[in-house]
PDB file of N, CA and C in Angstrom:
ATOM      1  N   UNK A   1     103.754 205.895 100.849  1.00  0.00           N
ATOM      2  CA  UNK A   1     104.602 207.032 101.113  1.00  0.00           C
ATOM      3  C   UNK A   1     104.321 207.629 102.485  1.00  0.00           C
ATOM      4  N   UNK A   2     103.228 207.234 103.107  1.00  0.00           N
ATOM      5  CA  UNK A   2     102.910 207.785 104.414  1.00  0.00           C
ATOM      6  C   UNK A   2     104.009 207.483 105.418  1.00  0.00           C
ATOM      7  N   UNK A   3     104.678 206.352 105.296  1.00  0.00           N
ATOM      8  CA  UNK A   3     105.765 206.006 106.196  1.00  0.00           C
ATOM      9  C   UNK A   3     106.971 206.914 106.031  1.00  0.00           C
ATOM     10  N   UNK A   4     107.102 207.557 104.911  1.00  0.00           N
ATOM     11  CA  UNK A   4     108.241 208.445 104.653  1.00  0.00           C
ATOM     12  C   UNK A   4     108.315 209.562 105.690  1.00  0.00           C
ATOM     13  N   UNK A   5     107.165 210.052 106.101  1.00  0.00           N
ATOM     14  CA  UNK A   5     107.134 211.210 106.986  1.00  0.00           C
ATOM     15  C   UNK A   5     106.896 210.854 108.457  1.00  0.00           C
ATOM     16  N   UNK A   6     106.762 209.580 108.739  1.00  0.00           N
ATOM     17  CA  UNK A   6     106.515 209.160 110.115  1.00  0.00           C
ATOM     18  C   UNK A   6     107.684 209.589 111.011  1.00  0.00           C
ATOM     19  N   UNK A   7     107.367 210.405 111.996  1.00  0.00           N
ATOM     20  CA  UNK A   7     108.388 210.911 112.904  1.00  0.00           C
ATOM     21  C   UNK A   7     109.291 211.967 112.300  1.00  0.00           C
ATOM     22  N   UNK A   8     108.985 212.404 111.073  1.00  0.00           N
ATOM     23  CA  UNK A   8     109.814 213.385 110.369  1.00  0.00           C
ATOM     24  C   UNK A   8     108.919 214.442 109.707  1.00  0.00           C
ATOM     25  N   UNK A   9     108.188 215.212 110.487  1.00  0.00           N
ATOM     26  CA  UNK A   9     107.252 216.166 109.867  1.00  0.00           C
ATOM     27  C   UNK A   9     107.931 217.227 109.010  1.00  0.00           C
ATOM     28  N   UNK A  10     109.147 217.604 109.351  1.00  0.00           N
ATOM     29  CA  UNK A  10     109.813 218.640 108.554  1.00  0.00           C
ATOM     30  C   UNK A  10     110.214 218.120 107.179  1.00  0.00           C
ATOM     31  N   UNK A  11     110.414 216.821 107.065  1.00  0.00           N
ATOM     32  CA  UNK A  11     110.775 216.226 105.774  1.00  0.00           C
ATOM     33  C   UNK A  11     109.709 216.526 104.724  1.00  0.00           C
ATOM     34  N   UNK A  12     108.467 216.544 105.143  1.00  0.00           N
ATOM     35  CA  UNK A  12     107.380 216.852 104.205  1.00  0.00           C
ATOM     36  C   UNK A  12     107.540 218.270 103.652  1.00  0.00           C
ATOM     37  N   UNK A  13     107.993 219.198 104.484  1.00  0.00           N
ATOM     38  CA  UNK A  13     108.228 220.567 104.018  1.00  0.00           C
ATOM     39  C   UNK A  13     109.420 220.646 103.072  1.00  0.00           C
ATOM     40  N   UNK A  14     110.448 219.876 103.362  1.00  0.00           N
ATOM     41  CA  UNK A  14     111.615 219.866 102.463  1.00  0.00           C
ATOM     42  C   UNK A  14     111.201 219.308 101.101  1.00  0.00           C
ATOM     43  N   UNK A  15     110.440 218.221 101.108  1.00  0.00           N
ATOM     44  CA  UNK A  15     109.935 217.674  99.847  1.00  0.00           C
ATOM     45  C   UNK A  15     109.092 218.713  99.113  1.00  0.00           C
ATOM     46  N   UNK A  16     108.225 219.420  99.834  1.00  0.00           N
ATOM     47  CA  UNK A  16     107.380 220.439  99.213  1.00  0.00           C
ATOM     48  C   UNK A  16     108.238 221.546  98.605  1.00  0.00           C
ATOM     49  N   UNK A  17     109.296 221.925  99.282  1.00  0.00           N
ATOM     50  CA  UNK A  17     110.196 222.963  98.783  1.00  0.00           C
ATOM     51  C   UNK A  17     110.800 222.538  97.436  1.00  0.00           C
ATOM     52  N   UNK A  18     111.236 221.289  97.358  1.00  0.00           N
ATOM     53  CA  UNK A  18     111.849 220.792  96.118  1.00  0.00           C
ATOM     54  C   UNK A  18     110.804 220.695  95.008  1.00  0.00           C
ATOM     55  N   UNK A  19     109.639 220.154  95.321  1.00  0.00           N
ATOM     56  CA  UNK A  19     108.548 220.075  94.330  1.00  0.00           C
ATOM     57  C   UNK A  19     108.225 221.479  93.801  1.00  0.00           C
ATOM     58  N   UNK A  20     108.174 222.439  94.705  1.00  0.00           N
ATOM     59  CA  UNK A  20     107.898 223.819  94.302  1.00  0.00           C
ATOM     60  C   UNK A  20     109.025 224.366  93.432  1.00  0.00           C
ATOM     61  N   UNK A  21     110.255 224.100  93.825  1.00  0.00           N
ATOM     62  CA  UNK A  21     111.413 224.608  93.078  1.00  0.00           C
ATOM     63  C   UNK A  21     111.439 224.099  91.641  1.00  0.00           C
ATOM     64  N   UNK A  22     110.947 222.882  91.416  1.00  0.00           N
ATOM     65  CA  UNK A  22     110.975 222.339  90.058  1.00  0.00           C
ATOM     66  C   UNK A  22     109.684 222.654  89.285  1.00  0.00           C
ATOM     67  N   UNK A  23     108.799 223.431  89.927  1.00  0.00           N
ATOM     68  CA  UNK A  23     107.603 223.892  89.226  1.00  0.00           C
ATOM     69  C   UNK A  23     106.442 222.924  89.215  1.00  0.00           C
ATOM     70  N   UNK A  24     106.380 222.027  90.204  1.00  0.00           N
ATOM     71  CA  UNK A  24     105.309 221.034  90.201  1.00  0.00           C
ATOM     72  C   UNK A  24     104.461 221.057  91.473  1.00  0.00           C
ATOM     73  N   UNK A  25     104.433 222.198  92.156  1.00  0.00           N
ATOM     74  CA  UNK A  25     103.604 222.338  93.350  1.00  0.00           C
ATOM     75  C   UNK A  25     102.154 222.495  92.916  1.00  0.00           C
ATOM     76  N   UNK A  26     101.282 221.661  93.454  1.00  0.00           N
ATOM     77  CA  UNK A  26      99.872 221.805  93.106  1.00  0.00           C
ATOM     78  C   UNK A  26      99.257 222.928  93.945  1.00  0.00           C
ATOM     79  N   UNK A  27      98.276 223.620  93.404  1.00  0.00           N
ATOM     80  CA  UNK A  27      97.686 224.775  94.085  1.00  0.00           C
ATOM     81  C   UNK A  27      97.096 224.450  95.461  1.00  0.00           C
ATOM     82  N   UNK A  28      96.510 223.279  95.622  1.00  0.00           N
ATOM     83  CA  UNK A  28      95.915 222.918  96.917  1.00  0.00           C
ATOM     84  C   UNK A  28      96.985 222.801  98.002  1.00  0.00           C
ATOM     85  N   UNK A  29      98.109 222.195  97.675  1.00  0.00           N
ATOM     86  CA  UNK A  29      99.205 222.071  98.643  1.00  0.00           C
ATOM     87  C   UNK A  29      99.800 223.433  98.937  1.00  0.00           C
ATOM     88  N   UNK A  30      99.959 224.245  97.919  1.00  0.00           N
ATOM     89  CA  UNK A  30     100.463 225.613  98.093  1.00  0.00           C
ATOM     90  C   UNK A  30      99.583 226.379  99.076  1.00  0.00           C
ATOM     91  N   UNK A  31      98.288 226.309  98.889  1.00  0.00           N
ATOM     92  CA  UNK A  31      97.352 226.999  99.777  1.00  0.00           C
ATOM     93  C   UNK A  31      97.442 226.443 101.197  1.00  0.00           C
ATOM     94  N   UNK A  32      97.483 225.131 101.314  1.00  0.00           N
ATOM     95  CA  UNK A  32      97.571 224.489 102.625  1.00  0.00           C
ATOM     96  C   UNK A  32      98.826 224.953 103.382  1.00  0.00           C
ATOM     97  N   UNK A  33      99.950 224.974 102.711  1.00  0.00           N
ATOM     98  CA  UNK A  33     101.194 225.401 103.352  1.00  0.00           C
ATOM     99  C   UNK A  33     101.158 226.880 103.720  1.00  0.00           C
ATOM    100  N   UNK A  34     100.589 227.691 102.852  1.00  0.00           N
ATOM    101  CA  UNK A  34     100.477 229.122 103.137  1.00  0.00           C
ATOM    102  C   UNK A  34      99.601 229.360 104.364  1.00  0.00           C
ATOM    103  N   UNK A  35      98.513 228.626 104.471  1.00  0.00           N
ATOM    104  CA  UNK A  35      97.611 228.782 105.622  1.00  0.00           C
ATOM    105  C   UNK A  35      98.246 228.293 106.926  1.00  0.00           C
ATOM    106  N   UNK A  36      99.231 227.440 106.827  1.00  0.00           N
ATOM    107  CA  UNK A  36      99.898 226.894 108.012  1.00  0.00           C
ATOM    108  C   UNK A  36     101.098 227.731 108.469  1.00  0.00           C
ATOM    109  N   UNK A  37     101.433 228.769 107.734  1.00  0.00           N
ATOM    110  CA  UNK A  37     102.652 229.522 108.025  1.00  0.00           C
ATOM    111  C   UNK A  37     102.706 230.084 109.441  1.00  0.00           C
ATOM    112  N   UNK A  38     101.622 230.659 109.928  1.00  0.00           N
ATOM    113  CA  UNK A  38     101.630 231.242 111.278  1.00  0.00           C
ATOM    114  C   UNK A  38     101.918 230.168 112.329  1.00  0.00           C
ATOM    115  N   UNK A  39     101.306 229.007 112.185  1.00  0.00           N
ATOM    116  CA  UNK A  39     101.566 227.905 113.125  1.00  0.00           C
ATOM    117  C   UNK A  39     103.007 227.414 113.008  1.00  0.00           C
ATOM    118  N   UNK A  40     103.507 227.324 111.787  1.00  0.00           N
ATOM    119  CA  UNK A  40     104.890 226.890 111.586  1.00  0.00           C
ATOM    120  C   UNK A  40     105.858 227.886 112.219  1.00  0.00           C
ATOM    121  N   UNK A  41     105.560 229.158 112.093  1.00  0.00           N
ATOM    122  CA  UNK A  41     106.422 230.177 112.699  1.00  0.00           C
ATOM    123  C   UNK A  41     106.482 230.010 114.209  1.00  0.00           C
ATOM    124  N   UNK A  42     105.328 229.762 114.829  1.00  0.00           N
ATOM    125  CA  UNK A  42     105.282 229.554 116.280  1.00  0.00           C
ATOM    126  C   UNK A  42     106.041 228.298 116.686  1.00  0.00           C
ATOM    127  N   UNK A  43     105.868 227.224 115.936  1.00  0.00           N
ATOM    128  CA  UNK A  43     106.495 225.944 116.270  1.00  0.00           C
ATOM    129  C   UNK A  43     108.006 225.962 116.069  1.00  0.00           C
ATOM    130  N   UNK A  44     108.456 226.649 115.043  1.00  0.00           N
ATOM    131  CA  UNK A  44     109.879 226.609 114.706  1.00  0.00           C
ATOM    132  C   UNK A  44     110.668 227.797 115.237  1.00  0.00           C
ATOM    133  N   UNK A  45     109.969 228.889 115.543  1.00  0.00           N
ATOM    134  CA  UNK A  45     110.664 230.098 115.952  1.00  0.00           C
ATOM    135  C   UNK A  45     111.298 230.827 114.773  1.00  0.00           C
ATOM    136  N   UNK A  46     110.948 230.423 113.570  1.00  0.00           N
ATOM    137  CA  UNK A  46     111.484 231.051 112.356  1.00  0.00           C
ATOM    138  C   UNK A  46     110.462 232.037 111.816  1.00  0.00           C
ATOM    139  N   UNK A  47     110.899 232.907 110.918  1.00  0.00           N
ATOM    140  CA  UNK A  47     109.973 233.873 110.338  1.00  0.00           C
ATOM    141  C   UNK A  47     109.926 233.725 108.829  1.00  0.00           C
ATOM    142  N   UNK A  48     109.008 234.465 108.230  1.00  0.00           N
ATOM    143  CA  UNK A  48     108.861 234.432 106.782  1.00  0.00           C
ATOM    144  C   UNK A  48     107.822 233.420 106.335  1.00  0.00           C
ATOM    145  N   UNK A  49     107.747 233.238 105.025  1.00  0.00           N
ATOM    146  CA  UNK A  49     106.803 232.262 104.483  1.00  0.00           C
ATOM    147  C   UNK A  49     107.379 230.852 104.639  1.00  0.00           C
ATOM    148  N   UNK A  50     106.606 229.846 104.248  1.00  0.00           N
ATOM    149  CA  UNK A  50     107.034 228.467 104.479  1.00  0.00           C
ATOM    150  C   UNK A  50     108.335 228.154 103.745  1.00  0.00           C
ATOM    151  N   UNK A  51     108.518 228.723 102.553  1.00  0.00           N
ATOM    152  CA  UNK A  51     109.755 228.484 101.809  1.00  0.00           C
ATOM    153  C   UNK A  51     110.961 229.042 102.578  1.00  0.00           C
ATOM    154  N   UNK A  52     110.789 230.250 103.067  1.00  0.00           N
ATOM    155  CA  UNK A  52     111.856 230.897 103.826  1.00  0.00           C
ATOM    156  C   UNK A  52     112.193 230.101 105.091  1.00  0.00           C
ATOM    157  N   UNK A  53     111.180 229.552 105.739  1.00  0.00           N
ATOM    158  CA  UNK A  53     111.430 228.748 106.941  1.00  0.00           C
ATOM    159  C   UNK A  53     112.232 227.491 106.615  1.00  0.00           C
ATOM    160  N   UNK A  54     111.925 226.862 105.488  1.00  0.00           N
ATOM    161  CA  UNK A  54     112.700 225.692 105.059  1.00  0.00           C
ATOM    162  C   UNK A  54     114.139 226.116 104.785  1.00  0.00           C
ATOM    163  N   UNK A  55     114.310 227.211 104.059  1.00  0.00           N
ATOM    164  CA  UNK A  55     115.658 227.687 103.729  1.00  0.00           C
ATOM    165  C   UNK A  55     116.464 227.999 104.994  1.00  0.00           C
ATOM    166  N   UNK A  56     115.809 228.638 105.970  1.00  0.00           N
ATOM    167  CA  UNK A  56     116.501 228.974 107.219  1.00  0.00           C
ATOM    168  C   UNK A  56     116.892 227.725 107.997  1.00  0.00           C
ATOM    169  N   UNK A  57     115.953 226.835 108.160  1.00  0.00           N
ATOM    170  CA  UNK A  57     116.220 225.636 108.963  1.00  0.00           C
ATOM    171  C   UNK A  57     117.253 224.730 108.303  1.00  0.00           C
ATOM    172  N   UNK A  58     117.199 224.626 106.994  1.00  0.00           N
ATOM    173  CA  UNK A  58     118.129 223.772 106.262  1.00  0.00           C
ATOM    174  C   UNK A  58     119.451 224.486 105.958  1.00  0.00           C
ATOM    175  N   UNK A  59     119.487 225.781 106.261  1.00  0.00           N
ATOM    176  CA  UNK A  59     120.677 226.595 105.992  1.00  0.00           C
ATOM    177  C   UNK A  59     121.039 226.578 104.497  1.00  0.00           C
ATOM    178  N   UNK A  60     119.989 226.658 103.676  1.00  0.00           N
ATOM    179  CA  UNK A  60     120.196 226.703 102.230  1.00  0.00           C
ATOM    180  C   UNK A  60     120.834 228.037 101.852  1.00  0.00           C
ATOM    181  N   UNK A  61     121.753 228.011 100.914  1.00  0.00           N
ATOM    182  CA  UNK A  61     122.341 229.272 100.440  1.00  0.00           C
ATOM    183  C   UNK A  61     121.341 230.030  99.564  1.00  0.00           C
ATOM    184  N   UNK A  62     121.556 231.324  99.396  1.00  0.00           N
ATOM    185  CA  UNK A  62     120.698 232.078  98.476  1.00  0.00           C
ATOM    186  C   UNK A  62     120.733 231.423  97.092  1.00  0.00           C
ATOM    187  N   UNK A  63     119.594 231.390  96.442  1.00  0.00           N
ATOM    188  CA  UNK A  63     119.533 230.814  95.100  1.00  0.00           C
ATOM    189  C   UNK A  63     119.341 229.307  95.071  1.00  0.00           C
ATOM    190  N   UNK A  64     119.076 228.704  96.215  1.00  0.00           N
ATOM    191  CA  UNK A  64     118.932 227.244  96.263  1.00  0.00           C
ATOM    192  C   UNK A  64     117.814 226.750  95.349  1.00  0.00           C
ATOM    193  N   UNK A  65     116.661 227.409  95.388  1.00  0.00           N
ATOM    194  CA  UNK A  65     115.545 226.965  94.546  1.00  0.00           C
ATOM    195  C   UNK A  65     115.931 227.010  93.069  1.00  0.00           C
ATOM    196  N   UNK A  66     116.650 228.052  92.656  1.00  0.00           N
ATOM    197  CA  UNK A  66     117.108 228.144  91.250  1.00  0.00           C
ATOM    198  C   UNK A  66     118.066 227.009  90.914  1.00  0.00           C
ATOM    199  N   UNK A  67     118.950 226.695  91.851  1.00  0.00           N
ATOM    200  CA  UNK A  67     119.915 225.616  91.613  1.00  0.00           C
ATOM    201  C   UNK A  67     119.211 224.271  91.472  1.00  0.00           C
ATOM    202  N   UNK A  68     118.209 224.034  92.304  1.00  0.00           N
ATOM    203  CA  UNK A  68     117.438 222.783  92.209  1.00  0.00           C
ATOM    204  C   UNK A  68     116.729 222.728  90.863  1.00  0.00           C
ATOM    205  N   UNK A  69     116.154 223.842  90.448  1.00  0.00           N
ATOM    206  CA  UNK A  69     115.448 223.886  89.163  1.00  0.00           C
ATOM    207  C   UNK A  69     116.401 223.587  88.012  1.00  0.00           C
ATOM    208  N   UNK A  70     117.614 224.073  88.117  1.00  0.00           N
ATOM    209  CA  UNK A  70     118.614 223.813  87.073  1.00  0.00           C
ATOM    210  C   UNK A  70     118.943 222.317  87.005  1.00  0.00           C
ATOM    211  N   UNK A  71     119.095 221.684  88.159  1.00  0.00           N
ATOM    212  CA  UNK A  71     119.348 220.236  88.196  1.00  0.00           C
ATOM    213  C   UNK A  71     118.182 219.496  87.551  1.00  0.00           C
ATOM    214  N   UNK A  72     116.956 219.890  87.890  1.00  0.00           N
ATOM    215  CA  UNK A  72     115.758 219.274  87.311  1.00  0.00           C
ATOM    216  C   UNK A  72     115.729 219.457  85.792  1.00  0.00           C
ATOM    217  N   UNK A  73     115.913 220.683  85.341  1.00  0.00           N
ATOM    218  CA  UNK A  73     115.814 220.966  83.904  1.00  0.00           C
ATOM    219  C   UNK A  73     116.856 220.180  83.104  1.00  0.00           C
ATOM    220  N   UNK A  74     118.095 220.179  83.564  1.00  0.00           N
ATOM    221  CA  UNK A  74     119.151 219.451  82.852  1.00  0.00           C
ATOM    222  C   UNK A  74     118.925 217.946  82.920  1.00  0.00           C
ATOM    223  N   UNK A  75     118.554 217.468  84.091  1.00  0.00           N
ATOM    224  CA  UNK A  75     118.305 216.038  84.249  1.00  0.00           C
ATOM    225  C   UNK A  75     117.091 215.566  83.469  1.00  0.00           C
ATOM    226  N   UNK A  76     116.077 216.418  83.383  1.00  0.00           N
ATOM    227  CA  UNK A  76     114.865 216.084  82.638  1.00  0.00           C
ATOM    228  C   UNK A  76     115.197 215.817  81.172  1.00  0.00           C
ATOM    229  N   UNK A  77     116.028 216.655  80.605  1.00  0.00           N
ATOM    230  CA  UNK A  77     116.404 216.498  79.194  1.00  0.00           C
ATOM    231  C   UNK A  77     117.134 215.167  78.984  1.00  0.00           C
ATOM    232  N   UNK A  78     118.085 214.871  79.870  1.00  0.00           N
ATOM    233  CA  UNK A  78     118.825 213.600  79.758  1.00  0.00           C
ATOM    234  C   UNK A  78     117.900 212.398  79.971  1.00  0.00           C
ATOM    235  N   UNK A  79     117.013 212.500  80.966  1.00  0.00           N
ATOM    236  CA  UNK A  79     116.090 211.402  81.260  1.00  0.00           C
ATOM    237  C   UNK A  79     115.165 211.146  80.069  1.00  0.00           C
ATOM    238  N   UNK A  80     114.621 212.208  79.521  1.00  0.00           N
ATOM    239  CA  UNK A  80     113.724 212.095  78.375  1.00  0.00           C
ATOM    240  C   UNK A  80     114.443 211.470  77.178  1.00  0.00           C
ATOM    241  N   UNK A  81     115.677 211.888  76.934  1.00  0.00           N
ATOM    242  CA  UNK A  81     116.451 211.353  75.811  1.00  0.00           C
ATOM    243  C   UNK A  81     116.756 209.872  75.994  1.00  0.00           C
ATOM    244  N   UNK A  82     117.020 209.463  77.227  1.00  0.00           N
ATOM    245  CA  UNK A  82     117.407 208.062  77.441  1.00  0.00           C
ATOM    246  C   UNK A  82     116.227 207.120  77.619  1.00  0.00           C
ATOM    247  N   UNK A  83     115.084 207.632  78.088  1.00  0.00           N
ATOM    248  CA  UNK A  83     113.953 206.741  78.360  1.00  0.00           C
ATOM    249  C   UNK A  83     112.763 206.966  77.436  1.00  0.00           C
ATOM    250  N   UNK A  84     112.719 208.146  76.814  1.00  0.00           N
ATOM    251  CA  UNK A  84     111.582 208.463  75.955  1.00  0.00           C
ATOM    252  C   UNK A  84     110.347 208.902  76.726  1.00  0.00           C
ATOM    253  N   UNK A  85     110.485 209.137  78.013  1.00  0.00           N
ATOM    254  CA  UNK A  85     109.342 209.591  78.807  1.00  0.00           C
ATOM    255  C   UNK A  85     109.781 210.677  79.776  1.00  0.00           C
ATOM    256  N   UNK A  86     108.798 211.428  80.234  1.00  0.00           N
ATOM    257  CA  UNK A  86     109.059 212.502  81.195  1.00  0.00           C
ATOM    258  C   UNK A  86     109.400 211.895  82.560  1.00  0.00           C
ATOM    259  N   UNK A  87     110.309 212.519  83.285  1.00  0.00           N
ATOM    260  CA  UNK A  87     110.602 212.045  84.638  1.00  0.00           C
ATOM    261  C   UNK A  87     109.435 212.365  85.577  1.00  0.00           C
ATOM    262  N   UNK A  88     109.311 211.583  86.622  1.00  0.00           N
ATOM    263  CA  UNK A  88     108.272 211.785  87.618  1.00  0.00           C
ATOM    264  C   UNK A  88     108.768 212.809  88.650  1.00  0.00           C
ATOM    265  N   UNK A  89     108.069 213.931  88.810  1.00  0.00           N
ATOM    266  CA  UNK A  89     108.525 214.961  89.746  1.00  0.00           C
ATOM    267  C   UNK A  89     108.637 214.466  91.192  1.00  0.00           C
ATOM    268  N   UNK A  90     107.719 213.632  91.624  1.00  0.00           N
ATOM    269  CA  UNK A  90     107.764 213.125  93.000  1.00  0.00           C
ATOM    270  C   UNK A  90     108.940 212.177  93.194  1.00  0.00           C
ATOM    271  N   UNK A  91     109.185 211.332  92.206  1.00  0.00           N
ATOM    272  CA  UNK A  91     110.327 210.420  92.272  1.00  0.00           C
ATOM    273  C   UNK A  91     111.634 211.218  92.313  1.00  0.00           C
ATOM    274  N   UNK A  92     111.729 212.243  91.467  1.00  0.00           N
ATOM    275  CA  UNK A  92     112.907 213.112  91.473  1.00  0.00           C
ATOM    276  C   UNK A  92     113.090 213.732  92.853  1.00  0.00           C
ATOM    277  N   UNK A  93     112.005 214.270  93.396  1.00  0.00           N
ATOM    278  CA  UNK A  93     112.058 214.952  94.690  1.00  0.00           C
ATOM    279  C   UNK A  93     112.568 214.032  95.780  1.00  0.00           C
ATOM    280  N   UNK A  94     111.991 212.852  95.873  1.00  0.00           N
ATOM    281  CA  UNK A  94     112.408 211.921  96.931  1.00  0.00           C
ATOM    282  C   UNK A  94     113.869 211.523  96.756  1.00  0.00           C
ATOM    283  N   UNK A  95     114.283 211.243  95.526  1.00  0.00           N
ATOM    284  CA  UNK A  95     115.677 210.877  95.284  1.00  0.00           C
ATOM    285  C   UNK A  95     116.606 212.044  95.613  1.00  0.00           C
ATOM    286  N   UNK A  96     116.237 213.234  95.176  1.00  0.00           N
ATOM    287  CA  UNK A  96     117.060 214.416  95.415  1.00  0.00           C
ATOM    288  C   UNK A  96     117.221 214.660  96.918  1.00  0.00           C
ATOM    289  N   UNK A  97     116.115 214.671  97.634  1.00  0.00           N
ATOM    290  CA  UNK A  97     116.168 214.927  99.085  1.00  0.00           C
ATOM    291  C   UNK A  97     116.926 213.828  99.792  1.00  0.00           C
ATOM    292  N   UNK A  98     116.650 212.583  99.461  1.00  0.00           N
ATOM    293  CA  UNK A  98     117.304 211.467 100.139  1.00  0.00           C
ATOM    294  C   UNK A  98     118.812 211.439  99.895  1.00  0.00           C
ATOM    295  N   UNK A  99     119.230 211.833  98.700  1.00  0.00           N
ATOM    296  CA  UNK A  99     120.662 211.785  98.392  1.00  0.00           C
ATOM    297  C   UNK A  99     121.422 213.020  98.855  1.00  0.00           C
ATOM    298  N   UNK A 100     120.749 214.157  98.887  1.00  0.00           N
ATOM    299  CA  UNK A 100     121.436 215.410  99.269  1.00  0.00           C
ATOM    300  C   UNK A 100     121.287 215.761 100.746  1.00  0.00           C
ATOM    301  N   UNK A 101     120.197 215.317 101.348  1.00  0.00           N
ATOM    302  CA  UNK A 101     119.911 215.662 102.739  1.00  0.00           C
ATOM    303  C   UNK A 101     119.460 214.430 103.505  1.00  0.00           C
ATOM    304  N   UNK A 102     120.384 213.518 103.783  1.00  0.00           N
ATOM    305  CA  UNK A 102     120.005 212.284 104.488  1.00  0.00           C
ATOM    306  C   UNK A 102     119.246 212.599 105.769  1.00  0.00           C
ATOM    307  N   UNK A 103     118.244 211.790 106.018  1.00  0.00           N
ATOM    308  CA  UNK A 103     117.399 212.044 107.185  1.00  0.00           C
ATOM    309  C   UNK A 103     117.220 210.803 108.006  1.00  0.00           C
TER     310      UNK A 103
END
């Protein structure tokens, strides 16, 4: 997966935003992103926390995180019913980002 972000550092933030929106952000990554906010603000010229910077740069409408969570929740139920197993949050994230926000 390291090749996924090669030359695309912001893609990692978009993936993190989606992982967070579906409730699967691990605490270590959350802390890492929070500690990087001041540097991200300087680099991007955007303000707010890391989530807000992603929303601003991607021009996400208000409520985007809730909408992503709704897609996850509904899709999770269908996936579980058809496969008998829980969906993989990282696989969902990559598919969601790749299909909705080509990079």
